[in-house]
């Protein structure tokens, strides 16, 4: 069919159909994807990377936050270093069960969310399970902070307390 081969006609030989729709939508048959999608400049790409990397950064901060505060203790004695290492090991051992439970509950919650016909009661139950694990982790963490403070001298407590207070600052 010679009419369909014409650049001004669609596959069926019509001139009014596809071209009229495309012109109303302000689109072109010969346009490239770059014409319709915003260009990804470096700043836009960095914002996307920052958003994508935020969960990883937060998880790393939570995992290593107590260690960073312990490292801020000025001039710990050798005996204090040993006790601190033992405390951190104990904390990580106790938290590991709850962190696994937290990760599992979060994964299950996300899976539930994308299912058809999920009940809000089931979602709320899973959220309660997730928050129970988070609550236990926080209890262990803050008990650890108090326990760490008990082994410090008065001079060391000043820097340690400053680190604890800085953690709660809104950023």
Protein backbone atom coordinates (compact mmCIF):
# COMPACT_ATOMS: atom_id res chain seq x y z
CA UNK A 1 0.00 0.00 0.00
CA UNK A 2 1.66 3.17 -1.15
CA UNK A 3 -0.35 5.52 1.05
CA UNK A 4 0.97 4.00 4.27
CA UNK A 5 4.53 4.56 3.09
CA UNK A 6 3.96 8.29 2.93
CA UNK A 7 5.59 10.18 5.86
CA UNK A 8 2.36 12.10 6.49
CA UNK A 9 0.17 9.02 6.87
CA UNK A 10 -0.19 6.36 9.55
CA UNK A 11 -0.11 2.59 8.87
CA UNK A 12 -3.68 2.58 7.60
CA UNK A 13 -3.20 5.46 5.22
CA UNK A 14 -5.04 8.00 7.40
CA UNK A 15 -3.72 11.49 7.78
CA UNK A 16 -5.91 12.62 10.63
CA UNK A 17 -5.53 9.90 13.29
CA UNK A 18 -2.11 9.32 14.82
CA UNK A 19 -0.51 12.57 13.74
CA UNK A 20 -3.40 14.63 15.09
CA UNK A 21 -3.21 12.80 18.46
CA UNK A 22 0.55 13.23 18.64
CA UNK A 23 0.30 16.91 17.79
CA UNK A 24 -2.34 17.45 20.49
CA UNK A 25 -0.06 15.75 22.99
CA UNK A 26 2.82 17.87 21.76
CA UNK A 27 4.74 14.76 20.76
CA UNK A 28 6.66 13.83 17.66
CA UNK A 29 7.15 10.45 16.01
CA UNK A 30 10.81 11.21 15.39
CA UNK A 31 11.53 12.45 18.92
CA UNK A 32 14.09 10.75 21.12
CA UNK A 33 13.49 9.82 24.78
CA UNK A 34 15.77 12.67 25.84
CA UNK A 35 13.19 15.12 24.48
CA UNK A 36 10.59 13.96 27.01
CA UNK A 37 12.63 13.06 30.06
CA UNK A 38 14.64 15.64 31.99
CA UNK A 39 18.35 15.41 31.51
CA UNK A 40 20.21 13.91 34.40
CA UNK A 41 22.71 16.48 35.41
CA UNK A 42 25.28 15.75 38.08
CA UNK A 43 23.36 17.53 40.84
CA UNK A 44 20.13 15.64 40.07
CA UNK A 45 22.08 12.36 40.00
CA UNK A 46 23.72 13.13 43.34
CA UNK A 47 20.30 13.80 44.90
CA UNK A 48 19.04 10.46 43.62
CA UNK A 49 22.11 8.66 44.93
CA UNK A 50 21.73 10.35 48.30
CA UNK A 51 18.12 9.24 48.59
CA UNK A 52 18.94 5.69 47.51
CA UNK A 53 21.88 5.43 49.91
CA UNK A 54 20.07 6.90 52.93
CA UNK A 55 18.80 3.58 54.34
CA UNK A 56 22.29 2.09 54.12
CA UNK A 57 23.79 5.12 55.83
CA UNK A 58 21.22 5.05 58.62
CA UNK A 59 21.75 1.33 59.22
CA UNK A 60 25.51 1.84 59.38
CA UNK A 61 25.12 4.73 61.80
CA UNK A 62 22.94 2.63 64.09
CA UNK A 63 25.35 -0.30 63.99
CA UNK A 64 28.42 1.74 64.75
CA UNK A 65 27.05 4.63 66.81
CA UNK A 66 27.92 3.16 70.22
CA UNK A 67 31.42 2.33 69.02
CA UNK A 68 31.94 5.89 67.86
CA UNK A 69 30.95 7.24 71.25
CA UNK A 70 33.32 4.82 72.97
CA UNK A 71 36.12 5.98 70.67
CA UNK A 72 35.47 9.54 71.85
CA UNK A 73 36.49 8.62 75.39
CA UNK A 74 39.71 10.50 76.02
CA UNK A 75 42.68 8.40 77.14
CA UNK A 76 40.97 5.16 78.21
CA UNK A 77 43.09 2.95 80.42
CA UNK A 78 44.02 -0.52 79.18
CA UNK A 79 41.60 -2.10 81.66
CA UNK A 80 38.85 0.23 80.43
CA UNK A 81 39.52 -0.76 76.80
CA UNK A 82 39.12 -4.42 77.72
CA UNK A 83 35.88 -3.79 79.58
CA UNK A 84 34.55 -1.59 76.76
CA UNK A 85 35.31 -4.29 74.19
CA UNK A 86 33.53 -6.87 76.35
CA UNK A 87 30.52 -4.57 76.74
CA UNK A 88 30.29 -3.96 73.00
CA UNK A 89 30.56 -7.68 72.27
CA UNK A 90 27.81 -8.40 74.78
CA UNK A 91 25.60 -5.65 73.31
CA UNK A 92 26.01 -6.94 69.76
CA UNK A 93 25.29 -10.51 70.86
CA UNK A 94 22.11 -9.47 72.66
CA UNK A 95 20.95 -7.22 69.82
CA UNK A 96 21.55 -9.75 67.05
CA UNK A 97 18.37 -11.74 67.77
CA UNK A 98 16.23 -8.59 67.81
CA UNK A 99 17.91 -7.15 64.71
CA UNK A 100 17.17 -10.35 62.81
CA UNK A 101 13.58 -10.23 64.04
CA UNK A 102 13.34 -6.58 63.02
CA UNK A 103 14.66 -7.27 59.52
CA UNK A 104 12.32 -10.22 59.07
CA UNK A 105 9.26 -8.28 60.28
CA UNK A 106 10.09 -5.35 58.01
CA UNK A 107 10.48 -7.64 55.01
CA UNK A 108 7.19 -9.38 55.77
CA UNK A 109 5.46 -6.02 56.25
CA UNK A 110 6.68 -4.83 52.85
CA UNK A 111 5.51 -8.07 51.23
CA UNK A 112 2.11 -7.73 52.89
CA UNK A 113 1.77 -4.16 51.68
CA UNK A 114 1.99 -5.11 48.01
CA UNK A 115 -0.53 -7.97 48.20
CA UNK A 116 -4.09 -7.57 47.04
CA UNK A 117 -6.77 -7.62 49.73
CA UNK A 118 -4.45 -7.44 52.74
CA UNK A 119 -6.23 -6.52 55.95
CA UNK A 120 -5.20 -3.53 58.01
CA UNK A 121 -5.42 -5.71 61.08
CA UNK A 122 -2.67 -7.96 59.67
CA UNK A 123 -0.55 -4.92 58.77
CA UNK A 124 -1.01 -3.43 62.25
CA UNK A 125 -0.06 -6.74 63.85
CA UNK A 126 3.13 -6.86 61.77
CA UNK A 127 3.91 -3.23 62.67
CA UNK A 128 3.51 -4.12 66.36
CA UNK A 129 5.94 -7.02 65.89
CA UNK A 130 8.42 -4.72 64.16
CA UNK A 131 8.14 -2.06 66.86
CA UNK A 132 8.58 -4.66 69.61
CA UNK A 133 11.94 -5.63 68.10
CA UNK A 134 12.94 -1.95 67.77
CA UNK A 135 11.88 -1.33 71.37
CA UNK A 136 14.08 -4.16 72.64
CA UNK A 137 17.04 -2.90 70.60
CA UNK A 138 16.65 0.59 72.04
CA UNK A 139 16.38 -0.76 75.60
CA UNK A 140 19.60 -2.70 75.14
CA UNK A 141 21.36 0.25 73.54
CA UNK A 142 20.46 2.73 76.26
CA UNK A 143 21.25 0.26 79.03
CA UNK A 144 24.63 -0.09 77.35
CA UNK A 145 25.14 3.67 77.32
CA UNK A 146 24.41 3.89 81.05
CA UNK A 147 26.66 0.90 81.74
CA UNK A 148 29.47 2.49 79.71
CA UNK A 149 29.14 5.73 81.64
CA UNK A 150 29.54 3.90 84.96
CA UNK A 151 33.10 2.81 84.17
CA UNK A 152 34.31 6.28 83.18
CA UNK A 153 36.14 8.83 85.26
CA UNK A 154 34.60 12.27 85.80
CA UNK A 155 36.85 13.78 83.10
CA UNK A 156 35.91 11.06 80.61
CA UNK A 157 32.20 11.46 81.32
CA UNK A 158 32.26 15.05 80.02
CA UNK A 159 33.30 14.01 76.49
CA UNK A 160 31.12 10.90 76.54
CA UNK A 161 28.03 12.84 77.66
CA UNK A 162 28.66 15.43 74.94
CA UNK A 163 28.72 12.62 72.35
CA UNK A 164 25.45 11.17 73.68
CA UNK A 165 23.77 14.56 73.59
CA UNK A 166 25.02 15.25 70.05
CA UNK A 167 23.36 12.03 68.91
CA UNK A 168 19.98 13.43 69.89
CA UNK A 169 20.47 16.74 68.09
CA UNK A 170 18.03 17.31 65.25
CA UNK A 171 19.89 17.58 61.98
